[in-house]
Amino acid sequence: PDLTGHEKFGLGNVKYNISGIHVTAVELPSGSISLLPGSGIKLVIGNASLTIDMNWNIRTWMFKDSGRSTVHISKVFVTAIFSVPRDNTGPTLISLTSCRTTSGDIDIKLNGKS
């Protein structure tokens, strides 16, 4: 979805809109899934990366600008724990019980009129 809002900086408000968000690349170079006896499943993803393209525009009392942006997030590590209750009476239910994510680098390229 698009992101719209405003932030207060120094002399005034900055209104922004981010639209046309598209994930253009995902890399998952290493990952593993392991069973946790009696409790569920552990998923580990290491050194992943993600590239996103989007349109942006900002407006202040002094100026306005708009353009395209590319965001590249790298060195992403995810550890997730899923519980899988043992119940043979119905469909299997999987619940996320824990998730930890860290990212190392974020590179933002802005292309605008100014």
C-alpha atoms as a PDB file:
ATOM      1  CA  PRO A   1       0.000   0.000   0.000  1.00  0.00           C
ATOM      2  CA  ASP A   2       0.980   3.633  -0.420  1.00  0.00           C
ATOM      3  CA  LEU A   3       2.444   5.530   2.536  1.00  0.00           C
ATOM      4  CA  THR A   4       1.261   9.068   3.241  1.00  0.00           C
ATOM      5  CA  GLY A   5       1.968  11.267   6.227  1.00  0.00           C
ATOM      6  CA  HIS A   6       3.771  14.221   7.677  1.00  0.00           C
ATOM      7  CA  GLU A   7       6.696  14.836  10.005  1.00  0.00           C
ATOM      8  CA  LYS A   8       7.681  17.961  11.904  1.00  0.00           C
ATOM      9  CA  PHE A   9      11.235  19.146  11.229  1.00  0.00           C
ATOM     10  CA  GLY A  10      12.748  22.376  12.502  1.00  0.00           C
ATOM     11  CA  LEU A  11      10.849  25.205  10.801  1.00  0.00           C
ATOM     12  CA  GLY A  12       7.773  23.298   9.676  1.00  0.00           C
ATOM     13  CA  ASN A  13       6.021  20.181   8.529  1.00  0.00           C
ATOM     14  CA  VAL A  14       7.117  17.904   5.721  1.00  0.00           C
ATOM     15  CA  LYS A  15       4.280  16.122   3.940  1.00  0.00           C
ATOM     16  CA  TYR A  16       5.244  12.969   2.081  1.00  0.00           C
ATOM     17  CA  ASN A  17       3.726  10.326  -0.148  1.00  0.00           C
ATOM     18  CA  ILE A  18       5.369   7.063  -1.219  1.00  0.00           C
ATOM     19  CA  SER A  19       3.513   5.149  -3.929  1.00  0.00           C
ATOM     20  CA  GLY A  20       3.998   2.483  -6.580  1.00  0.00           C
ATOM     21  CA  ILE A  21       6.027   0.312  -4.206  1.00  0.00           C
ATOM     22  CA  HIS A  22       7.389  -2.756  -6.022  1.00  0.00           C
ATOM     23  CA  VAL A  23       9.747  -5.434  -4.741  1.00  0.00           C
ATOM     24  CA  THR A  24      12.094  -5.964  -7.690  1.00  0.00           C
ATOM     25  CA  ALA A  25      14.566  -8.479  -6.239  1.00  0.00           C
ATOM     26  CA  VAL A  26      14.819 -10.903  -3.323  1.00  0.00           C
ATOM     27  CA  GLU A  27      17.899 -13.002  -2.620  1.00  0.00           C
ATOM     28  CA  LEU A  28      17.903 -15.802  -0.050  1.00  0.00           C
ATOM     29  CA  PRO A  29      21.405 -17.269  -0.309  1.00  0.00           C
ATOM     30  CA  SER A  30      21.215 -19.413   2.808  1.00  0.00           C
ATOM     31  CA  GLY A  31      18.437 -20.846   4.869  1.00  0.00           C
ATOM     32  CA  SER A  32      17.582 -23.807   7.013  1.00  0.00           C
ATOM     33  CA  ILE A  33      14.545 -25.437   8.546  1.00  0.00           C
ATOM     34  CA  SER A  34      14.826 -27.656  11.591  1.00  0.00           C
ATOM     35  CA  LEU A  35      12.362 -29.485  13.789  1.00  0.00           C
ATOM     36  CA  LEU A  36      12.172 -28.553  17.447  1.00  0.00           C
ATOM     37  CA  PRO A  37      11.173 -31.733  19.287  1.00  0.00           C
ATOM     38  CA  GLY A  38       7.774 -31.401  20.891  1.00  0.00           C
ATOM     39  CA  SER A  39       7.322 -27.744  20.009  1.00  0.00           C
ATOM     40  CA  GLY A  40       7.526 -26.881  16.331  1.00  0.00           C
ATOM     41  CA  ILE A  41       9.710 -25.658  13.518  1.00  0.00           C
ATOM     42  CA  LYS A  42      12.653 -23.230  13.400  1.00  0.00           C
ATOM     43  CA  LEU A  43      13.325 -21.262  10.203  1.00  0.00           C
ATOM     44  CA  VAL A  44      16.638 -19.424   9.772  1.00  0.00           C
ATOM     45  CA  ILE A  45      17.427 -17.193   6.780  1.00  0.00           C
ATOM     46  CA  GLY A  46      20.892 -15.685   6.556  1.00  0.00           C
ATOM     47  CA  ASN A  47      22.483 -12.903   4.543  1.00  0.00           C
ATOM     48  CA  ALA A  48      19.344 -12.147   2.525  1.00  0.00           C
ATOM     49  CA  SER A  49      18.760  -8.988   0.500  1.00  0.00           C
ATOM     50  CA  LEU A  50      15.804  -7.080  -0.902  1.00  0.00           C
ATOM     51  CA  THR A  51      15.464  -4.325  -3.521  1.00  0.00           C
ATOM     52  CA  ILE A  52      12.412  -2.052  -3.679  1.00  0.00           C
ATOM     53  CA  ASP A  53      11.516   0.627  -6.266  1.00  0.00           C
ATOM     54  CA  MET A  54       8.986   3.376  -5.541  1.00  0.00           C
ATOM     55  CA  ASN A  55       7.712   6.846  -6.412  1.00  0.00           C
ATOM     56  CA  TRP A  56       7.979   9.611  -3.814  1.00  0.00           C
ATOM     57  CA  ASN A  57       6.995  13.209  -3.330  1.00  0.00           C
ATOM     58  CA  ILE A  58       7.513  15.685  -0.524  1.00  0.00           C
ATOM     59  CA  ARG A  59       6.110  19.126   0.135  1.00  0.00           C
ATOM     60  CA  THR A  60       7.097  21.808   2.648  1.00  0.00           C
ATOM     61  CA  TRP A  61       6.211  25.466   2.952  1.00  0.00           C
ATOM     62  CA  MET A  62       9.421  26.276   1.017  1.00  0.00           C
ATOM     63  CA  PHE A  63       9.543  23.693  -1.781  1.00  0.00           C
ATOM     64  CA  LYS A  64       8.143  20.522  -3.253  1.00  0.00           C
ATOM     65  CA  ASP A  65       9.887  17.700  -5.086  1.00  0.00           C
ATOM     66  CA  SER A  66       9.116  14.253  -6.440  1.00  0.00           C
ATOM     67  CA  GLY A  67      10.865  11.399  -8.184  1.00  0.00           C
ATOM     68  CA  ARG A  68      11.782   7.714  -8.094  1.00  0.00           C
ATOM     69  CA  SER A  69      13.723   5.855  -5.455  1.00  0.00           C
ATOM     70  CA  THR A  70      15.465   2.509  -5.123  1.00  0.00           C
ATOM     71  CA  VAL A  71      16.063   1.003  -1.689  1.00  0.00           C
ATOM     72  CA  HIS A  72      18.453  -1.944  -1.288  1.00  0.00           C
ATOM     73  CA  ILE A  73      18.467  -3.716   2.078  1.00  0.00           C
ATOM     74  CA  SER A  74      21.238  -6.269   2.623  1.00  0.00           C
ATOM     75  CA  LYS A  75      22.694  -8.481   5.337  1.00  0.00           C
ATOM     76  CA  VAL A  76      19.200  -9.431   6.494  1.00  0.00           C
ATOM     77  CA  PHE A  77      18.969 -12.245   9.043  1.00  0.00           C
ATOM     78  CA  VAL A  78      15.665 -13.802  10.132  1.00  0.00           C
ATOM     79  CA  THR A  79      14.987 -16.412  12.805  1.00  0.00           C
ATOM     80  CA  ALA A  80      11.390 -17.553  13.203  1.00  0.00           C
ATOM     81  CA  ILE A  81       9.877 -20.184  15.477  1.00  0.00           C
ATOM     82  CA  PHE A  82       6.554 -21.762  14.530  1.00  0.00           C
ATOM     83  CA  SER A  83       4.490 -23.926  16.857  1.00  0.00           C
ATOM     84  CA  VAL A  84       2.649 -26.890  15.437  1.00  0.00           C
ATOM     85  CA  PRO A  85       0.225 -28.256  18.043  1.00  0.00           C
ATOM     86  CA  ARG A  86      -0.401 -31.984  17.959  1.00  0.00           C
ATOM     87  CA  ASP A  87      -4.111 -32.310  17.404  1.00  0.00           C
ATOM     88  CA  ASN A  88      -5.538 -34.964  15.113  1.00  0.00           C
ATOM     89  CA  THR A  89      -9.120 -33.677  15.352  1.00  0.00           C
ATOM     90  CA  GLY A  90      -8.941 -31.029  12.636  1.00  0.00           C
ATOM     91  CA  PRO A  91      -6.699 -29.205  10.185  1.00  0.00           C
ATOM     92  CA  THR A  92      -3.077 -28.588  11.128  1.00  0.00           C
ATOM     93  CA  LEU A  93      -2.605 -25.126  12.610  1.00  0.00           C
ATOM     94  CA  ILE A  94       0.753 -23.368  12.449  1.00  0.00           C
ATOM     95  CA  SER A  95       1.372 -20.294  14.633  1.00  0.00           C
ATOM     96  CA  LEU A  96       4.300 -17.892  14.625  1.00  0.00           C
ATOM     97  CA  THR A  97       5.536 -17.808  18.231  1.00  0.00           C
ATOM     98  CA  SER A  98       8.768 -15.855  17.824  1.00  0.00           C
ATOM     99  CA  CYS A  99      10.481 -13.828  15.107  1.00  0.00           C
ATOM    100  CA  ARG A 100      13.735 -11.856  15.138  1.00  0.00           C
ATOM    101  CA  THR A 101      15.003  -9.864  12.154  1.00  0.00           C
ATOM    102  CA  THR A 102      18.117  -7.735  11.759  1.00  0.00           C
ATOM    103  CA  SER A 103      19.484  -5.857   8.755  1.00  0.00           C
ATOM    104  CA  GLY A 104      23.004  -4.658   8.203  1.00  0.00           C
ATOM    105  CA  ASP A 105      22.995  -2.152   5.352  1.00  0.00           C
ATOM    106  CA  ILE A 106      20.363   0.071   3.739  1.00  0.00           C
ATOM    107  CA  ASP A 107      21.237   1.953   0.550  1.00  0.00           C
ATOM    108  CA  ILE A 108      18.731   4.585  -0.643  1.00  0.00           C
ATOM    109  CA  LYS A 109      19.011   6.258  -4.059  1.00  0.00           C
ATOM    110  CA  LEU A 110      16.723   9.237  -4.709  1.00  0.00           C
ATOM    111  CA  ASN A 111      16.155  10.608  -8.198  1.00  0.00           C
ATOM    112  CA  GLY A 112      14.175  13.832  -8.223  1.00  0.00           C
ATOM    113  CA  LYS A 113      13.641  17.064 -10.058  1.00  0.00           C
ATOM    114  CA  SER A 114      15.790  19.061  -7.654  1.00  0.00           C
END
